[in-house]
PDB file of N, CA and C in Angstrom:
ATOM      1  N   MET A   1      19.460 -25.980  -4.406  1.00  0.00           N
ATOM      2  CA  MET A   1      18.934 -27.089  -3.836  1.00  0.00           C
ATOM      3  C   MET A   1      17.513 -27.353  -3.294  1.00  0.00           C
ATOM      4  N   ALA A   2      16.859 -28.822  -3.524  1.00  0.00           N
ATOM      5  CA  ALA A   2      15.211 -28.797  -3.433  1.00  0.00           C
ATOM      6  C   ALA A   2      15.289 -28.724  -1.991  1.00  0.00           C
ATOM      7  N   ARG A   3      13.964 -28.202  -1.327  1.00  0.00           N
ATOM      8  CA  ARG A   3      13.881 -27.985   0.076  1.00  0.00           C
ATOM      9  C   ARG A   3      12.281 -28.352   0.457  1.00  0.00           C
ATOM     10  N   VAL A   4      11.856 -29.019   1.178  1.00  0.00           N
ATOM     11  CA  VAL A   4      10.756 -29.485   1.559  1.00  0.00           C
ATOM     12  C   VAL A   4      10.208 -28.655   2.562  1.00  0.00           C
ATOM     13  N   PHE A   5       8.936 -28.414   2.874  1.00  0.00           N
ATOM     14  CA  PHE A   5       8.657 -27.375   3.692  1.00  0.00           C
ATOM     15  C   PHE A   5       7.341 -28.170   4.441  1.00  0.00           C
ATOM     16  N   THR A   6       7.462 -28.176   5.449  1.00  0.00           N
ATOM     17  CA  THR A   6       6.435 -29.279   6.414  1.00  0.00           C
ATOM     18  C   THR A   6       5.561 -28.349   6.980  1.00  0.00           C
ATOM     19  N   GLN A   7       4.209 -29.084   7.263  1.00  0.00           N
ATOM     20  CA  GLN A   7       2.964 -28.395   7.773  1.00  0.00           C
ATOM     21  C   GLN A   7       3.436 -27.691   9.067  1.00  0.00           C
ATOM     22  N   SER A   8       4.211 -28.629   9.723  1.00  0.00           N
ATOM     23  CA  SER A   8       4.836 -28.116  11.074  1.00  0.00           C
ATOM     24  C   SER A   8       5.640 -26.975  11.256  1.00  0.00           C
ATOM     25  N   GLU A   9       6.396 -26.496   9.842  1.00  0.00           N
ATOM     26  CA  GLU A   9       6.865 -25.438   9.738  1.00  0.00           C
ATOM     27  C   GLU A   9       5.952 -24.037   9.023  1.00  0.00           C
ATOM     28  N   ALA A  10       4.671 -24.052   9.103  1.00  0.00           N
ATOM     29  CA  ALA A  10       4.009 -23.346   8.021  1.00  0.00           C
ATOM     30  C   ALA A  10       3.543 -22.149   9.153  1.00  0.00           C
ATOM     31  N   ARG A  11       3.679 -21.091   9.328  1.00  0.00           N
ATOM     32  CA  ARG A  11       3.542 -19.899  10.203  1.00  0.00           C
ATOM     33  C   ARG A  11       2.160 -19.403  10.249  1.00  0.00           C
ATOM     34  N   SER A  12       1.333 -19.138  11.236  1.00  0.00           N
ATOM     35  CA  SER A  12       0.092 -18.754  11.098  1.00  0.00           C
ATOM     36  C   SER A  12       0.143 -16.897  10.647  1.00  0.00           C
ATOM     37  N   MET A  13      -0.989 -16.334  10.265  1.00  0.00           N
ATOM     38  CA  MET A  13      -0.578 -15.334   9.248  1.00  0.00           C
ATOM     39  C   MET A  13      -1.672 -14.068  10.439  1.00  0.00           C
ATOM     40  N   GLY A  14      -2.139 -14.752  11.393  1.00  0.00           N
ATOM     41  CA  GLY A  14      -3.043 -14.403  12.268  1.00  0.00           C
ATOM     42  C   GLY A  14      -3.992 -13.330  11.865  1.00  0.00           C
ATOM     43  N   LEU A  15      -4.660 -13.651  10.671  1.00  0.00           N
ATOM     44  CA  LEU A  15      -5.711 -12.831   9.634  1.00  0.00           C
ATOM     45  C   LEU A  15      -6.947 -12.732  10.365  1.00  0.00           C
ATOM     46  N   PRO A  16      -7.576 -11.898  10.624  1.00  0.00           N
ATOM     47  CA  PRO A  16      -9.202 -12.090  11.253  1.00  0.00           C
ATOM     48  C   PRO A  16     -10.057 -12.679  10.247  1.00  0.00           C
ATOM     49  N   GLY A  17     -11.018 -13.562  11.133  1.00  0.00           N
ATOM     50  CA  GLY A  17     -12.016 -14.026  10.255  1.00  0.00           C
ATOM     51  C   GLY A  17     -11.735 -15.399   9.220  1.00  0.00           C
ATOM     52  N   ARG A  18     -10.353 -15.792   9.356  1.00  0.00           N
ATOM     53  CA  ARG A  18      -9.935 -16.658   8.398  1.00  0.00           C
ATOM     54  C   ARG A  18      -8.259 -17.347   9.245  1.00  0.00           C
ATOM     55  N   LYS A  19      -8.531 -18.834   8.409  1.00  0.00           N
ATOM     56  CA  LYS A  19      -7.075 -19.202   9.093  1.00  0.00           C
ATOM     57  C   LYS A  19      -5.989 -19.198   7.757  1.00  0.00           C
ATOM     58  N   SER A  20      -5.226 -18.799   7.986  1.00  0.00           N
ATOM     59  CA  SER A  20      -4.190 -18.587   7.098  1.00  0.00           C
ATOM     60  C   SER A  20      -2.412 -18.694   7.245  1.00  0.00           C
ATOM     61  N   MET A  21      -1.969 -19.641   6.687  1.00  0.00           N
ATOM     62  CA  MET A  21      -0.972 -20.329   7.027  1.00  0.00           C
ATOM     63  C   MET A  21       0.029 -19.939   6.190  1.00  0.00           C
ATOM     64  N   GLU A  22       1.198 -19.371   6.306  1.00  0.00           N
ATOM     65  CA  GLU A  22       2.124 -18.982   4.825  1.00  0.00           C
ATOM     66  C   GLU A  22       3.214 -20.314   5.135  1.00  0.00           C
ATOM     67  N   ILE A  23       3.033 -20.963   4.128  1.00  0.00           N
ATOM     68  CA  ILE A  23       4.289 -22.497   3.854  1.00  0.00           C
ATOM     69  C   ILE A  23       5.162 -21.978   3.702  1.00  0.00           C
ATOM     70  N   ALA A  24       5.589 -21.445   2.550  1.00  0.00           N
ATOM     71  CA  ALA A  24       6.780 -21.019   1.775  1.00  0.00           C
ATOM     72  C   ALA A  24       6.692 -19.524   1.609  1.00  0.00           C
ATOM     73  N   SER A  25       7.937 -18.971   1.948  1.00  0.00           N
ATOM     74  CA  SER A  25       8.258 -17.495   1.478  1.00  0.00           C
ATOM     75  C   SER A  25       9.874 -16.943   2.202  1.00  0.00           C
ATOM     76  N   ARG A  26       9.957 -15.854   1.701  1.00  0.00           N
ATOM     77  CA  ARG A  26      11.346 -15.680   1.809  1.00  0.00           C
ATOM     78  C   ARG A  26      11.810 -15.339   3.195  1.00  0.00           C
ATOM     79  N   ALA A  27      11.039 -15.411   4.139  1.00  0.00           N
ATOM     80  CA  ALA A  27      11.206 -15.415   5.816  1.00  0.00           C
ATOM     81  C   ALA A  27      11.298 -17.045   6.083  1.00  0.00           C
ATOM     82  N   MET A  28      10.988 -17.875   5.123  1.00  0.00           N
ATOM     83  CA  MET A  28      11.198 -19.342   5.205  1.00  0.00           C
ATOM     84  C   MET A  28      12.361 -20.045   4.194  1.00  0.00           C
ATOM     85  N   GLY A  29      12.740 -19.111   3.586  1.00  0.00           N
ATOM     86  CA  GLY A  29      13.754 -19.609   2.753  1.00  0.00           C
ATOM     87  C   GLY A  29      13.573 -19.304   1.264  1.00  0.00           C
ATOM     88  N   THR A  30      12.692 -19.058   0.949  1.00  0.00           N
ATOM     89  CA  THR A  30      12.583 -18.775  -0.914  1.00  0.00           C
ATOM     90  C   THR A  30      13.224 -17.816  -1.403  1.00  0.00           C
ATOM     91  N   ASP A  31      13.499 -17.569  -2.499  1.00  0.00           N
ATOM     92  CA  ASP A  31      13.932 -16.552  -3.312  1.00  0.00           C
ATOM     93  C   ASP A  31      12.752 -15.574  -3.782  1.00  0.00           C
ATOM     94  N   ASN A  32      11.837 -16.415  -4.461  1.00  0.00           N
ATOM     95  CA  ASN A  32      11.093 -15.580  -5.227  1.00  0.00           C
ATOM     96  C   ASN A  32       9.418 -16.118  -5.210  1.00  0.00           C
ATOM     97  N   VAL A  33       9.060 -16.678  -4.139  1.00  0.00           N
ATOM     98  CA  VAL A  33       7.772 -17.496  -4.142  1.00  0.00           C
ATOM     99  C   VAL A  33       7.119 -17.053  -2.723  1.00  0.00           C
ATOM    100  N   THR A  34       5.991 -17.271  -2.796  1.00  0.00           N
ATOM    101  CA  THR A  34       5.130 -17.209  -1.493  1.00  0.00           C
ATOM    102  C   THR A  34       4.101 -18.168  -1.399  1.00  0.00           C
ATOM    103  N   LEU A  35       3.803 -18.841  -0.706  1.00  0.00           N
ATOM    104  CA  LEU A  35       2.510 -19.679  -1.016  1.00  0.00           C
ATOM    105  C   LEU A  35       1.727 -19.922   0.370  1.00  0.00           C
ATOM    106  N   ARG A  36       0.329 -19.525   0.173  1.00  0.00           N
ATOM    107  CA  ARG A  36      -0.309 -19.721   1.740  1.00  0.00           C
ATOM    108  C   ARG A  36      -1.514 -20.861   1.367  1.00  0.00           C
ATOM    109  N   TYR A  37      -1.985 -21.512   2.619  1.00  0.00           N
ATOM    110  CA  TYR A  37      -3.015 -22.082   2.567  1.00  0.00           C
ATOM    111  C   TYR A  37      -4.029 -21.408   3.809  1.00  0.00           C
ATOM    112  N   VAL A  38      -5.101 -21.184   2.909  1.00  0.00           N
ATOM    113  CA  VAL A  38      -6.374 -20.509   3.744  1.00  0.00           C
ATOM    114  C   VAL A  38      -7.561 -21.282   3.829  1.00  0.00           C
ATOM    115  N   GLU A  39      -8.116 -21.049   4.819  1.00  0.00           N
ATOM    116  CA  GLU A  39      -9.641 -21.318   5.271  1.00  0.00           C
ATOM    117  C   GLU A  39     -10.394 -20.358   5.425  1.00  0.00           C
ATOM    118  N   ILE A  40     -11.351 -20.188   4.781  1.00  0.00           N
ATOM    119  CA  ILE A  40     -12.381 -19.293   4.943  1.00  0.00           C
ATOM    120  C   ILE A  40     -13.706 -19.943   5.583  1.00  0.00           C
ATOM    121  N   PRO A  41     -14.356 -19.730   7.029  1.00  0.00           N
ATOM    122  CA  PRO A  41     -15.335 -20.446   7.620  1.00  0.00           C
ATOM    123  C   PRO A  41     -16.491 -19.822   6.876  1.00  0.00           C
ATOM    124  N   VAL A  42     -17.668 -20.498   7.054  1.00  0.00           N
ATOM    125  CA  VAL A  42     -18.797 -20.165   6.728  1.00  0.00           C
ATOM    126  C   VAL A  42     -19.531 -19.121   7.274  1.00  0.00           C
ATOM    127  N   ALA A  43     -19.919 -18.000   6.733  1.00  0.00           N
ATOM    128  CA  ALA A  43     -20.383 -16.548   7.293  1.00  0.00           C
ATOM    129  C   ALA A  43     -21.447 -16.597   7.941  1.00  0.00           C
ATOM    130  N   GLN A  44     -21.248 -16.440   9.387  1.00  0.00           N
ATOM    131  CA  GLN A  44     -22.545 -15.955  10.234  1.00  0.00           C
ATOM    132  C   GLN A  44     -23.009 -14.802  10.502  1.00  0.00           C
ATOM    133  N   PRO A  45     -24.171 -14.511  10.789  1.00  0.00           N
ATOM    134  CA  PRO A  45     -25.036 -13.203  10.803  1.00  0.00           C
ATOM    135  C   PRO A  45     -24.077 -12.530  11.764  1.00  0.00           C
ATOM    136  N   GLY A  46     -23.903 -11.287  11.096  1.00  0.00           N
ATOM    137  CA  GLY A  46     -23.182 -10.150  11.856  1.00  0.00           C
ATOM    138  C   GLY A  46     -21.792 -10.277  11.587  1.00  0.00           C
ATOM    139  N   ASP A  47     -21.469 -11.062  10.897  1.00  0.00           N
ATOM    140  CA  ASP A  47     -19.892 -11.321  10.525  1.00  0.00           C
ATOM    141  C   ASP A  47     -19.631 -10.415   9.611  1.00  0.00           C
ATOM    142  N   ALA A  48     -18.825  -9.150   9.736  1.00  0.00           N
ATOM    143  CA  ALA A  48     -18.238  -8.047   8.690  1.00  0.00           C
ATOM    144  C   ALA A  48     -17.500  -8.924   7.648  1.00  0.00           C
ATOM    145  N   PRO A  49     -17.744  -8.680   6.295  1.00  0.00           N
ATOM    146  CA  PRO A  49     -16.955  -8.924   5.365  1.00  0.00           C
ATOM    147  C   PRO A  49     -15.774  -8.673   5.280  1.00  0.00           C
ATOM    148  N   ARG A  50     -14.687  -9.363   4.769  1.00  0.00           N
ATOM    149  CA  ARG A  50     -13.500  -8.795   4.971  1.00  0.00           C
ATOM    150  C   ARG A  50     -13.349  -7.676   3.464  1.00  0.00           C
ATOM    151  N   LYS A  51     -12.744  -6.840   4.025  1.00  0.00           N
ATOM    152  CA  LYS A  51     -12.187  -5.582   3.415  1.00  0.00           C
ATOM    153  C   LYS A  51     -11.129  -5.887   1.959  1.00  0.00           C
ATOM    154  N   PRO A  52     -11.127  -5.402   0.930  1.00  0.00           N
ATOM    155  CA  PRO A  52     -10.420  -5.733  -0.061  1.00  0.00           C
ATOM    156  C   PRO A  52      -8.915  -5.308  -0.008  1.00  0.00           C
ATOM    157  N   HIS A  53      -8.172  -6.004  -0.488  1.00  0.00           N
ATOM    158  CA  HIS A  53      -6.890  -5.627  -0.723  1.00  0.00           C
ATOM    159  C   HIS A  53      -6.433  -5.346  -2.042  1.00  0.00           C
ATOM    160  N   ARG A  54      -4.618  -5.240  -2.234  1.00  0.00           N
ATOM    161  CA  ARG A  54      -4.149  -5.369  -3.602  1.00  0.00           C
ATOM    162  C   ARG A  54      -2.918  -5.644  -3.577  1.00  0.00           C
ATOM    163  N   HIS A  55      -2.136  -6.173  -4.732  1.00  0.00           N
ATOM    164  CA  HIS A  55      -0.604  -6.455  -4.439  1.00  0.00           C
ATOM    165  C   HIS A  55      -0.375  -5.704  -5.431  1.00  0.00           C
ATOM    166  N   ASP A  56       0.470  -5.001  -5.402  1.00  0.00           N
ATOM    167  CA  ASP A  56       1.218  -4.047  -6.497  1.00  0.00           C
ATOM    168  C   ASP A  56       2.547  -4.470  -6.909  1.00  0.00           C
ATOM    169  N   GLY A  57       2.482  -4.926  -8.103  1.00  0.00           N
ATOM    170  CA  GLY A  57       3.892  -5.238  -9.019  1.00  0.00           C
ATOM    171  C   GLY A  57       3.674  -7.069  -8.980  1.00  0.00           C
ATOM    172  N   PHE A  58       2.815  -7.530  -8.513  1.00  0.00           N
ATOM    173  CA  PHE A  58       3.218  -8.985  -9.128  1.00  0.00           C
ATOM    174  C   PHE A  58       1.270  -9.429  -8.773  1.00  0.00           C
ATOM    175  N   GLU A  59       1.022 -10.702  -9.454  1.00  0.00           N
ATOM    176  CA  GLU A  59       0.071 -11.381  -9.343  1.00  0.00           C
ATOM    177  C   GLU A  59      -0.438 -11.994  -8.571  1.00  0.00           C
ATOM    178  N   GLU A  60      -1.594 -12.279  -7.895  1.00  0.00           N
ATOM    179  CA  GLU A  60      -2.131 -13.915  -7.196  1.00  0.00           C
ATOM    180  C   GLU A  60      -2.639 -14.906  -7.803  1.00  0.00           C
ATOM    181  N   VAL A  61      -2.572 -16.132  -7.683  1.00  0.00           N
ATOM    182  CA  VAL A  61      -2.942 -17.038  -8.252  1.00  0.00           C
ATOM    183  C   VAL A  61      -4.002 -17.768  -6.981  1.00  0.00           C
ATOM    184  N   ILE A  62      -5.213 -17.914  -7.072  1.00  0.00           N
ATOM    185  CA  ILE A  62      -6.078 -18.404  -6.058  1.00  0.00           C
ATOM    186  C   ILE A  62      -6.485 -19.997  -6.653  1.00  0.00           C
ATOM    187  N   HIS A  63      -6.152 -20.946  -5.977  1.00  0.00           N
ATOM    188  CA  HIS A  63      -6.697 -22.274  -6.217  1.00  0.00           C
ATOM    189  C   HIS A  63      -7.736 -22.714  -5.202  1.00  0.00           C
ATOM    190  N   VAL A  64      -8.898 -23.184  -5.802  1.00  0.00           N
ATOM    191  CA  VAL A  64      -9.946 -23.910  -4.798  1.00  0.00           C
ATOM    192  C   VAL A  64      -9.690 -24.875  -4.261  1.00  0.00           C
ATOM    193  N   LEU A  65      -9.200 -25.656  -3.357  1.00  0.00           N
ATOM    194  CA  LEU A  65      -9.110 -26.984  -2.918  1.00  0.00           C
ATOM    195  C   LEU A  65     -10.456 -27.548  -2.584  1.00  0.00           C
ATOM    196  N   GLU A  66     -11.313 -26.923  -1.983  1.00  0.00           N
ATOM    197  CA  GLU A  66     -12.645 -27.498  -1.138  1.00  0.00           C
ATOM    198  C   GLU A  66     -13.626 -26.097  -1.216  1.00  0.00           C
ATOM    199  N   GLY A  67     -14.987 -26.555  -1.419  1.00  0.00           N
ATOM    200  CA  GLY A  67     -15.803 -25.437  -0.989  1.00  0.00           C
ATOM    201  C   GLY A  67     -16.016 -24.623  -2.176  1.00  0.00           C
ATOM    202  N   SER A  68     -17.113 -23.561  -1.988  1.00  0.00           N
ATOM    203  CA  SER A  68     -17.518 -22.810  -2.859  1.00  0.00           C
ATOM    204  C   SER A  68     -17.328 -21.173  -2.237  1.00  0.00           C
ATOM    205  N   GLY A  69     -17.149 -20.296  -3.112  1.00  0.00           N
ATOM    206  CA  GLY A  69     -17.076 -18.942  -2.876  1.00  0.00           C
ATOM    207  C   GLY A  69     -17.188 -17.848  -3.673  1.00  0.00           C
ATOM    208  N   CYS A  70     -16.919 -16.355  -3.517  1.00  0.00           N
ATOM    209  CA  CYS A  70     -16.905 -15.709  -4.693  1.00  0.00           C
ATOM    210  C   CYS A  70     -15.590 -14.631  -4.424  1.00  0.00           C
ATOM    211  N   THR A  71     -15.022 -14.163  -5.692  1.00  0.00           N
ATOM    212  CA  THR A  71     -14.088 -13.458  -5.012  1.00  0.00           C
ATOM    213  C   THR A  71     -14.546 -12.080  -6.095  1.00  0.00           C
ATOM    214  N   GLU A  72     -14.753 -11.105  -5.203  1.00  0.00           N
ATOM    215  CA  GLU A  72     -15.125  -9.480  -5.522  1.00  0.00           C
ATOM    216  C   GLU A  72     -14.132  -8.905  -6.144  1.00  0.00           C
ATOM    217  N   ALA A  73     -14.004  -8.127  -7.087  1.00  0.00           N
ATOM    218  CA  ALA A  73     -12.472  -7.625  -7.674  1.00  0.00           C
ATOM    219  C   ALA A  73     -13.202  -6.391  -8.345  1.00  0.00           C
ATOM    220  N   ASP A  74     -12.093  -5.400  -8.912  1.00  0.00           N
ATOM    221  CA  ASP A  74     -12.629  -4.411  -9.552  1.00  0.00           C
ATOM    222  C   ASP A  74     -13.318  -4.876 -11.302  1.00  0.00           C
ATOM    223  N   SER A  75     -12.845  -5.576 -11.316  1.00  0.00           N
ATOM    224  CA  SER A  75     -13.356  -6.172 -12.779  1.00  0.00           C
ATOM    225  C   SER A  75     -14.610  -6.822 -12.726  1.00  0.00           C
ATOM    226  N   GLY A  76     -15.310  -7.181 -11.381  1.00  0.00           N
ATOM    227  CA  GLY A  76     -16.404  -7.925 -11.373  1.00  0.00           C
ATOM    228  C   GLY A  76     -16.412  -9.079 -10.214  1.00  0.00           C
ATOM    229  N   SER A  77     -17.497  -9.756 -10.303  1.00  0.00           N
ATOM    230  CA  SER A  77     -17.816 -10.875  -9.363  1.00  0.00           C
ATOM    231  C   SER A  77     -17.658 -12.358  -9.948  1.00  0.00           C
ATOM    232  N   TYR A  78     -16.461 -13.218  -9.376  1.00  0.00           N
ATOM    233  CA  TYR A  78     -16.393 -14.328  -9.930  1.00  0.00           C
ATOM    234  C   TYR A  78     -16.531 -15.580  -9.043  1.00  0.00           C
ATOM    235  N   PRO A  79     -17.855 -16.225  -9.434  1.00  0.00           N
ATOM    236  CA  PRO A  79     -18.275 -17.178  -8.311  1.00  0.00           C
ATOM    237  C   PRO A  79     -16.965 -18.636  -8.684  1.00  0.00           C
ATOM    238  N   LEU A  80     -16.854 -19.042  -7.356  1.00  0.00           N
ATOM    239  CA  LEU A  80     -15.424 -20.350  -7.403  1.00  0.00           C
ATOM    240  C   LEU A  80     -16.220 -21.148  -6.960  1.00  0.00           C
ATOM    241  N   CYS A  81     -15.323 -22.474  -7.360  1.00  0.00           N
ATOM    242  CA  CYS A  81     -16.026 -23.654  -6.759  1.00  0.00           C
ATOM    243  C   CYS A  81     -14.723 -24.565  -7.208  1.00  0.00           C
ATOM    244  N   THR A  82     -14.879 -25.896  -5.992  1.00  0.00           N
ATOM    245  CA  THR A  82     -13.619 -26.548  -6.036  1.00  0.00           C
ATOM    246  C   THR A  82     -13.130 -26.908  -7.404  1.00  0.00           C
ATOM    247  N   GLY A  83     -11.686 -26.916  -7.582  1.00  0.00           N
ATOM    248  CA  GLY A  83     -10.756 -27.207  -8.744  1.00  0.00           C
ATOM    249  C   GLY A  83     -10.538 -25.363  -9.660  1.00  0.00           C
ATOM    250  N   ASP A  84     -11.405 -25.055  -9.209  1.00  0.00           N
ATOM    251  CA  ASP A  84     -11.225 -23.507 -10.014  1.00  0.00           C
ATOM    252  C   ASP A  84     -10.204 -22.656  -9.711  1.00  0.00           C
ATOM    253  N   THR A  85      -9.590 -21.807 -10.661  1.00  0.00           N
ATOM    254  CA  THR A  85      -8.183 -21.194 -10.066  1.00  0.00           C
ATOM    255  C   THR A  85      -8.592 -19.802 -10.996  1.00  0.00           C
ATOM    256  N   ILE A  86      -8.489 -18.913 -10.190  1.00  0.00           N
ATOM    257  CA  ILE A  86      -8.521 -17.427 -10.434  1.00  0.00           C
ATOM    258  C   ILE A  86      -7.134 -16.593 -10.208  1.00  0.00           C
ATOM    259  N   VAL A  87      -6.664 -15.748 -11.328  1.00  0.00           N
ATOM    260  CA  VAL A  87      -5.560 -15.240 -11.263  1.00  0.00           C
ATOM    261  C   VAL A  87      -6.037 -13.281 -11.083  1.00  0.00           C
ATOM    262  N   MET A  88      -5.552 -13.024 -10.119  1.00  0.00           N
ATOM    263  CA  MET A  88      -5.906 -11.553  -9.850  1.00  0.00           C
ATOM    264  C   MET A  88      -4.543 -10.659 -10.450  1.00  0.00           C
ATOM    265  N   PRO A  89      -4.389  -9.457 -11.140  1.00  0.00           N
ATOM    266  CA  PRO A  89      -3.658  -9.076 -11.884  1.00  0.00           C
ATOM    267  C   PRO A  89      -3.230  -7.986 -10.646  1.00  0.00           C
ATOM    268  N   SER A  90      -1.986  -7.310 -10.972  1.00  0.00           N
ATOM    269  CA  SER A  90      -1.354  -6.696  -9.849  1.00  0.00           C
ATOM    270  C   SER A  90      -1.923  -5.449 -10.038  1.00  0.00           C
ATOM    271  N   GLY A  91      -2.367  -5.040  -8.693  1.00  0.00           N
ATOM    272  CA  GLY A  91      -2.832  -3.558  -8.678  1.00  0.00           C
ATOM    273  C   GLY A  91      -4.623  -3.840  -8.208  1.00  0.00           C
ATOM    274  N   GLU A  92      -5.321  -4.968  -9.137  1.00  0.00           N
ATOM    275  CA  GLU A  92      -6.724  -4.774  -8.761  1.00  0.00           C
ATOM    276  C   GLU A  92      -7.171  -5.201  -7.159  1.00  0.00           C
ATOM    277  N   TRP A  93      -8.303  -4.215  -6.968  1.00  0.00           N
ATOM    278  CA  TRP A  93      -8.559  -4.619  -5.183  1.00  0.00           C
ATOM    279  C   TRP A  93      -9.613  -5.790  -5.655  1.00  0.00           C
ATOM    280  N   HIS A  94      -9.443  -6.659  -4.385  1.00  0.00           N
ATOM    281  CA  HIS A  94      -9.932  -8.089  -4.466  1.00  0.00           C
ATOM    282  C   HIS A  94     -10.220  -8.491  -3.018  1.00  0.00           C
ATOM    283  N   ALA A  95     -11.170  -9.164  -3.153  1.00  0.00           N
ATOM    284  CA  ALA A  95     -11.485 -10.292  -1.400  1.00  0.00           C
ATOM    285  C   ALA A  95     -12.574 -11.306  -2.301  1.00  0.00           C
ATOM    286  N   THR A  96     -11.911 -12.453  -1.384  1.00  0.00           N
ATOM    287  CA  THR A  96     -12.380 -13.736  -1.656  1.00  0.00           C
ATOM    288  C   THR A  96     -13.520 -14.270  -0.189  1.00  0.00           C
ATOM    289  N   ARG A  97     -14.588 -14.361  -0.925  1.00  0.00           N
ATOM    290  CA  ARG A  97     -15.760 -14.743   0.466  1.00  0.00           C
ATOM    291  C   ARG A  97     -16.103 -16.013   0.163  1.00  0.00           C
ATOM    292  N   ASN A  98     -16.450 -16.858   1.540  1.00  0.00           N
ATOM    293  CA  ASN A  98     -17.215 -17.792   1.343  1.00  0.00           C
ATOM    294  C   ASN A  98     -18.597 -17.653   1.053  1.00  0.00           C
ATOM    295  N   THR A  99     -19.093 -18.278   0.434  1.00  0.00           N
ATOM    296  CA  THR A  99     -20.597 -18.553  -0.264  1.00  0.00           C
ATOM    297  C   THR A  99     -21.290 -19.802  -0.109  1.00  0.00           C
ATOM    298  N   GLY A 100     -20.361 -20.476   0.398  1.00  0.00           N
ATOM    299  CA  GLY A 100     -20.929 -22.296   0.343  1.00  0.00           C
ATOM    300  C   GLY A 100     -21.481 -22.684   1.891  1.00  0.00           C
ATOM    301  N   ASP A 101     -21.623 -23.696   2.256  1.00  0.00           N
ATOM    302  CA  ASP A 101     -22.613 -24.073   3.571  1.00  0.00           C
ATOM    303  C   ASP A 101     -21.073 -24.966   3.850  1.00  0.00           C
ATOM    304  N   THR A 102     -19.920 -24.968   3.603  1.00  0.00           N
ATOM    305  CA  THR A 102     -18.745 -25.452   4.196  1.00  0.00           C
ATOM    306  C   THR A 102     -17.412 -24.755   4.126  1.00  0.00           C
ATOM    307  N   THR A 103     -16.826 -25.043   4.748  1.00  0.00           N
ATOM    308  CA  THR A 103     -15.173 -24.270   5.006  1.00  0.00           C
ATOM    309  C   THR A 103     -14.872 -24.247   3.601  1.00  0.00           C
ATOM    310  N   LEU A 104     -14.271 -22.778   3.110  1.00  0.00           N
ATOM    311  CA  LEU A 104     -13.773 -22.751   1.846  1.00  0.00           C
ATOM    312  C   LEU A 104     -12.155 -22.665   2.091  1.00  0.00           C
ATOM    313  N   LYS A 105     -11.682 -23.646   1.095  1.00  0.00           N
ATOM    314  CA  LYS A 105      -9.951 -23.837   1.316  1.00  0.00           C
ATOM    315  C   LYS A 105      -9.160 -23.855   0.037  1.00  0.00           C
ATOM    316  N   LEU A 106      -8.533 -22.824   0.540  1.00  0.00           N
ATOM    317  CA  LEU A 106      -7.678 -22.104  -0.791  1.00  0.00           C
ATOM    318  C   LEU A 106      -5.948 -22.298  -0.773  1.00  0.00           C
ATOM    319  N   LEU A 107      -5.428 -22.469  -1.814  1.00  0.00           N
ATOM    320  CA  LEU A 107      -3.853 -22.246  -2.090  1.00  0.00           C
ATOM    321  C   LEU A 107      -3.845 -20.831  -2.672  1.00  0.00           C
ATOM    322  N   CYS A 108      -3.136 -20.064  -2.090  1.00  0.00           N
ATOM    323  CA  CYS A 108      -3.018 -18.682  -2.709  1.00  0.00           C
ATOM    324  C   CYS A 108      -1.231 -18.616  -3.110  1.00  0.00           C
ATOM    325  N   PHE A 109      -0.990 -18.621  -4.332  1.00  0.00           N
ATOM    326  CA  PHE A 109       0.683 -18.332  -4.531  1.00  0.00           C
ATOM    327  C   PHE A 109       0.617 -16.865  -4.870  1.00  0.00           C
ATOM    328  N   PHE A 110       1.808 -16.497  -4.856  1.00  0.00           N
ATOM    329  CA  PHE A 110       2.581 -15.085  -5.162  1.00  0.00           C
ATOM    330  C   PHE A 110       4.016 -15.470  -5.794  1.00  0.00           C
ATOM    331  N   PRO A 111       4.384 -14.912  -6.824  1.00  0.00           N
ATOM    332  CA  PRO A 111       5.673 -14.925  -7.259  1.00  0.00           C
ATOM    333  C   PRO A 111       6.797 -13.964  -6.875  1.00  0.00           C
ATOM    334  N   VAL A 112       6.415 -14.064  -5.620  1.00  0.00           N
ATOM    335  CA  VAL A 112       7.386 -13.112  -4.945  1.00  0.00           C
ATOM    336  C   VAL A 112       7.702 -13.558  -3.729  1.00  0.00           C
ATOM    337  N   GLY A 113       8.809 -13.524  -3.257  1.00  0.00           N
ATOM    338  CA  GLY A 113       9.001 -14.056  -1.785  1.00  0.00           C
ATOM    339  C   GLY A 113       8.637 -13.431  -0.629  1.00  0.00           C
ATOM    340  N   ASP A 114       8.449 -11.787  -0.639  1.00  0.00           N
ATOM    341  CA  ASP A 114       7.802 -11.122   0.612  1.00  0.00           C
ATOM    342  C   ASP A 114       6.866 -10.318  -0.118  1.00  0.00           C
ATOM    343  N   ILE A 115       5.526 -10.422   0.203  1.00  0.00           N
ATOM    344  CA  ILE A 115       4.508  -9.853  -0.172  1.00  0.00           C
ATOM    345  C   ILE A 115       4.096  -8.529   0.482  1.00  0.00           C
ATOM    346  N   ALA A 116       4.083  -8.619   1.946  1.00  0.00           N
ATOM    347  CA  ALA A 116       3.652  -8.225   2.852  1.00  0.00           C
ATOM    348  C   ALA A 116       3.946  -6.294   2.576  1.00  0.00           C
ATOM    349  N   ALA A 117       5.325  -6.047   1.915  1.00  0.00           N
ATOM    350  CA  ALA A 117       5.429  -4.495   1.402  1.00  0.00           C
ATOM    351  C   ALA A 117       5.003  -4.090   0.324  1.00  0.00           C
ATOM    352  N   ARG A 118       4.413  -4.726  -0.366  1.00  0.00           N
ATOM    353  CA  ARG A 118       3.567  -4.243  -1.692  1.00  0.00           C
ATOM    354  C   ARG A 118       2.083  -4.784  -1.781  1.00  0.00           C
ATOM    355  N   THR A 119       1.451  -5.016  -0.535  1.00  0.00           N
ATOM    356  CA  THR A 119       0.351  -5.117  -0.407  1.00  0.00           C
ATOM    357  C   THR A 119      -0.727  -3.896   0.499  1.00  0.00           C
ATOM    358  N   SER A 120      -1.369  -3.934  -0.287  1.00  0.00           N
ATOM    359  CA  SER A 120      -2.430  -2.671   0.321  1.00  0.00           C
ATOM    360  C   SER A 120      -4.044  -2.845   0.632  1.00  0.00           C
ATOM    361  N   ASN A 121      -4.155  -2.709   1.787  1.00  0.00           N
ATOM    362  CA  ASN A 121      -5.499  -3.091   2.419  1.00  0.00           C
ATOM    363  C   ASN A 121      -6.502  -1.626   2.393  1.00  0.00           C
ATOM    364  N   GLY A 122      -7.631  -2.037   1.839  1.00  0.00           N
ATOM    365  CA  GLY A 122      -8.921  -1.312   1.864  1.00  0.00           C
ATOM    366  C   GLY A 122      -9.452  -0.843   3.225  1.00  0.00           C
TER     367      GLY A 122
END
């Protein structure tokens, strides 16, 4: 049966230096999907960059809704702007940063219901 996930149901991930809301996941009733909305503010002097992370056994699809940024990964540096989508392969260390002068807004999709057990932080 289809299900609508409302904004009021989204749960904050409490990640430092960004707003990250889990819209859909196994914890919220999906079987094999996680969808997150992320806002990364403009970097301020003295801000520590986010450390890279990786996902073992599944890809991550990052779509830029608004703003500009750069995903730094094992395989290179990938500038991103509104409308761009990047697919991160399983196991590749990566971190996305805001390189613009407005908030970077992203949708992040994972083809698994629970990403926590197979995500490693650097």
